Protein backbone atom coordinates (compact mmCIF):
# COMPACT_ATOMS: atom_id res chain seq x y z
CA MET A 1 70.87 6.01 -5.31
CA PHE A 2 72.70 2.80 -6.22
CA GLU A 3 70.81 0.53 -3.81
CA VAL A 4 68.00 0.13 -6.35
CA TRP A 5 70.43 -1.18 -8.96
CA PHE A 6 71.89 -3.69 -6.52
CA SER A 7 68.58 -5.35 -5.72
CA ILE A 8 68.33 -9.10 -6.14
CA GLY A 9 66.07 -8.81 -9.19
CA TYR A 10 68.54 -6.68 -11.14
CA ILE A 11 71.43 -8.95 -10.17
CA LEU A 12 69.46 -11.99 -11.38
CA LEU A 13 68.65 -10.18 -14.63
CA LEU A 14 72.33 -9.40 -15.19
CA VAL A 15 73.29 -13.02 -14.46
CA VAL A 16 70.67 -14.31 -16.91
CA LEU A 17 71.85 -11.86 -19.59
CA LEU A 18 75.48 -12.85 -19.02
CA PHE A 19 74.52 -16.52 -19.24
CA VAL A 20 72.66 -15.92 -22.51
CA PHE A 21 75.61 -13.95 -23.87
CA ILE A 22 77.97 -16.84 -23.07
CA LEU A 23 75.64 -19.32 -24.78
CA TRP A 24 75.44 -17.00 -27.80
CA ARG A 25 79.23 -16.71 -28.02
CA LEU A 26 79.54 -20.51 -27.83
CA ASP A 27 77.56 -20.70 -31.11
CA SER A 28 74.45 -22.07 -29.48
CA ARG A 29 72.12 -19.33 -30.68
CA VAL A 30 68.82 -21.22 -30.49
CA LEU A 31 69.56 -22.35 -26.95
CA ALA A 32 70.54 -18.77 -26.05
CA VAL A 33 67.21 -17.39 -27.30
CA VAL A 34 65.26 -20.09 -25.44
CA ALA A 35 67.31 -19.41 -22.28
CA LEU A 36 66.58 -15.68 -22.61
CA ILE A 37 62.83 -16.20 -23.00
CA ALA A 38 62.66 -18.72 -20.15
CA GLY A 39 64.93 -16.63 -17.89
CA VAL A 40 62.98 -13.39 -18.38
CA ALA A 41 59.64 -15.19 -17.87
CA LEU A 42 60.99 -16.82 -14.70
CA LEU A 43 62.33 -13.47 -13.50
CA PHE A 44 58.96 -11.77 -14.05
CA TRP A 45 57.19 -14.48 -12.04
CA TRP A 46 59.88 -14.32 -9.35
CA GLU A 47 59.62 -10.54 -9.00
CA TYR A 48 55.83 -10.71 -8.76
CA ALA A 49 55.76 -13.49 -6.15
CA ARG A 50 58.70 -12.24 -4.06
CA PRO A 51 57.71 -11.23 -0.51
CA THR A 52 58.69 -7.66 0.27
CA TRP A 53 58.21 -5.67 3.43
CA THR A 54 57.72 -2.05 4.34
CA GLN A 55 58.11 -0.45 7.76
CA GLY A 56 55.93 2.48 8.60
CA ILE A 57 52.71 3.79 10.12
CA VAL A 58 49.25 2.80 8.91
CA SER A 59 47.64 6.08 7.88
CA GLY A 60 44.28 4.72 6.79
CA THR A 61 42.09 1.79 5.90
CA GLU A 62 39.21 1.65 3.47
CA VAL A 63 36.71 -0.84 2.07
CA ARG A 64 35.60 -0.17 -1.50
CA ARG A 65 33.03 -1.91 -3.65
CA SER A 66 34.56 -3.17 -6.91
CA ASP A 67 33.18 -2.41 -10.34
CA PRO A 68 30.83 -5.08 -11.69
CA ASP A 69 32.47 -7.78 -13.79
CA ALA A 70 31.00 -9.36 -16.94
CA LYS A 71 28.45 -11.30 -14.85
CA GLY A 72 27.46 -8.21 -12.85
CA GLN A 73 29.06 -9.44 -9.62
CA THR A 74 30.88 -7.12 -7.25
CA TYR A 75 33.00 -7.69 -4.18
CA ASP A 76 34.58 -5.66 -1.38
CA VAL A 77 38.19 -4.52 -1.77
CA GLN A 78 40.04 -3.83 1.48
CA LEU A 79 42.80 -1.22 1.16
CA ILE A 80 45.49 -0.37 3.70
CA TYR A 81 47.37 2.92 3.36
CA MET A 82 50.80 3.34 4.95
CA ARG A 83 53.47 6.02 5.23
CA ASN A 84 56.92 4.41 5.21
CA ARG A 85 60.05 5.76 6.89
CA ALA A 86 60.87 7.90 3.85
CA ASP A 87 57.37 9.43 4.20
CA ALA A 88 56.27 7.88 0.91
CA GLY A 89 52.76 6.55 0.57
CA VAL A 90 52.19 2.81 0.14
CA GLU A 91 48.81 1.43 -0.93
CA LEU A 92 48.22 -2.24 -0.19
CA GLN A 93 45.26 -4.44 -1.02
CA ASN A 94 44.15 -7.11 1.44
CA ASP A 95 42.85 -10.29 -0.20
CA ASP A 96 43.07 -13.96 0.65
CA SER A 97 45.72 -15.70 -1.42
CA TRP A 98 45.91 -19.42 -2.16
CA TRP A 99 49.38 -18.75 -3.55
CA TRP A 100 50.76 -17.82 -0.13
CA PHE A 101 48.29 -19.90 1.93
CA LYS A 102 46.74 -16.71 3.30
CA ARG A 103 43.23 -17.19 4.64
CA ASN A 104 43.28 -14.53 7.34
CA SER A 105 42.56 -11.30 5.52
CA GLU A 106 40.01 -10.22 8.15
CA ARG A 107 42.58 -10.58 10.94
CA VAL A 108 45.18 -8.64 8.92
CA PHE A 109 42.64 -5.88 8.27
CA ASN A 110 41.78 -5.81 11.99
CA ASP A 111 45.49 -5.49 12.83
CA ALA A 112 45.74 -2.60 10.35
CA LYS A 113 42.75 -0.83 11.92
CA THR A 114 44.28 -1.27 15.39
CA ALA A 115 47.69 0.02 14.22
CA GLU A 116 45.97 3.00 12.60
CA ALA A 117 44.11 3.87 15.80
CA ARG A 118 47.21 3.50 18.00
CA GLN A 119 49.60 5.14 15.46
CA THR A 120 52.18 2.40 16.11
CA GLU A 121 54.93 1.53 13.68
CA VAL A 122 54.42 -1.82 11.93
CA ILE A 123 56.03 -3.95 9.26
CA ALA A 124 53.81 -5.03 6.38
CA MET A 125 54.87 -8.01 4.27
CA TRP A 126 53.42 -7.96 0.75
CA TYR A 127 53.81 -9.32 -2.76
CA GLY A 128 52.81 -8.09 -6.21
CA TRP A 129 53.19 -5.00 -8.31
CA ARG A 130 51.74 -1.51 -8.15
CA SER A 131 50.26 -0.25 -11.41
CA GLN A 132 48.31 2.97 -11.56
CA LEU A 133 47.35 2.25 -15.16
CA PHE A 134 45.58 -1.02 -14.30
CA SER A 135 44.68 -0.06 -10.68
CA TRP A 136 46.74 -2.93 -9.27
CA ASN A 137 47.93 -2.82 -5.68
CA PRO A 138 50.28 -5.25 -3.95
CA ASN A 139 48.55 -7.77 -1.66
CA VAL A 140 49.49 -7.58 2.01
CA LEU A 141 50.42 -10.96 3.50
CA ALA A 142 50.91 -10.07 7.16
CA LEU A 143 51.21 -7.12 9.52
CA ARG A 144 53.44 -7.29 12.61
CA SER A 145 55.08 -4.99 15.10
CA VAL A 146 58.58 -3.74 14.36
CA GLY A 147 61.41 -6.23 14.91
CA ASN A 148 63.44 -8.76 12.94
CA TRP A 149 60.31 -10.69 11.95
CA PRO A 150 60.38 -10.57 8.13
CA TYR A 151 63.81 -12.18 7.91
CA TRP A 152 62.77 -15.22 9.96
CA SER A 153 59.28 -15.65 8.54
CA TRP A 154 58.47 -19.06 7.08
CA ARG A 155 57.32 -17.26 3.94
CA THR A 156 60.67 -15.52 3.46
CA ILE A 157 62.82 -18.56 4.24
CA GLY A 158 60.65 -20.87 2.14
CA PHE A 159 60.48 -18.52 -0.83
CA TYR A 160 64.19 -17.81 -1.01
CA GLY A 161 65.04 -21.48 -0.38
CA LEU A 162 62.78 -22.59 -3.25
CA SER A 163 64.12 -19.72 -5.38
CA LEU A 164 67.66 -20.98 -4.92
CA VAL A 165 66.62 -24.46 -6.07
CA LEU A 166 64.63 -23.01 -8.99
CA TRP A 167 67.43 -20.77 -10.30
CA ILE A 168 70.08 -23.48 -9.91
CA GLY A 169 67.75 -25.81 -11.81
CA TYR A 170 67.33 -23.22 -14.58
CA PHE A 171 71.08 -22.82 -15.11
CA TYR A 172 71.77 -26.54 -14.74
CA ALA A 173 69.09 -27.43 -17.31
CA PHE A 174 70.51 -25.11 -19.96
CA ILE A 175 74.10 -26.18 -19.28
CA TRP A 176 72.95 -29.80 -19.59
CA MET A 177 71.17 -29.04 -22.89
CA TYR A 178 74.27 -27.27 -24.20
CA ARG A 179 76.49 -30.26 -23.35
CA ARG A 180 74.00 -32.69 -24.94
CA SER A 181 73.97 -30.66 -28.15
CA ARG A 182 77.77 -30.81 -28.44
């Protein structure tokens, strides 16, 4: 039950709130409010972009036609359905992503179809949020066989390396601004 509360996102949120509280107590209220707004915005972006992985069996794949947009254009939406180890359903969308330099959505969808036919256990790396209200699904980045792959992926190492630099820069910038104001 407690593993959800000890995720990296919650720990970062608590650190940002503690940092804002310290700035507030040091009578730097404007800087504390700006640090809170910037920290929460950065945390939202970080949680959305963070690569996550799920291990399980692909239970289905589907291609749907999207609803027409304002110009009347439609496109195909590739969906991958998985059952993870806890037997919970996971719905993933498969789109190309300039953000993660992903231009191989057809190969990923082919891997999903093959894993579905063979009923083999795979690891799916994905990013994004699931929202039933807005019909958002996380975007799958890659699909691989089970192993220690997600930890040594260039996406994982690069993202967490850049995250470390980004968060240290956030705290350093606000500490620097506090010292300049004194």
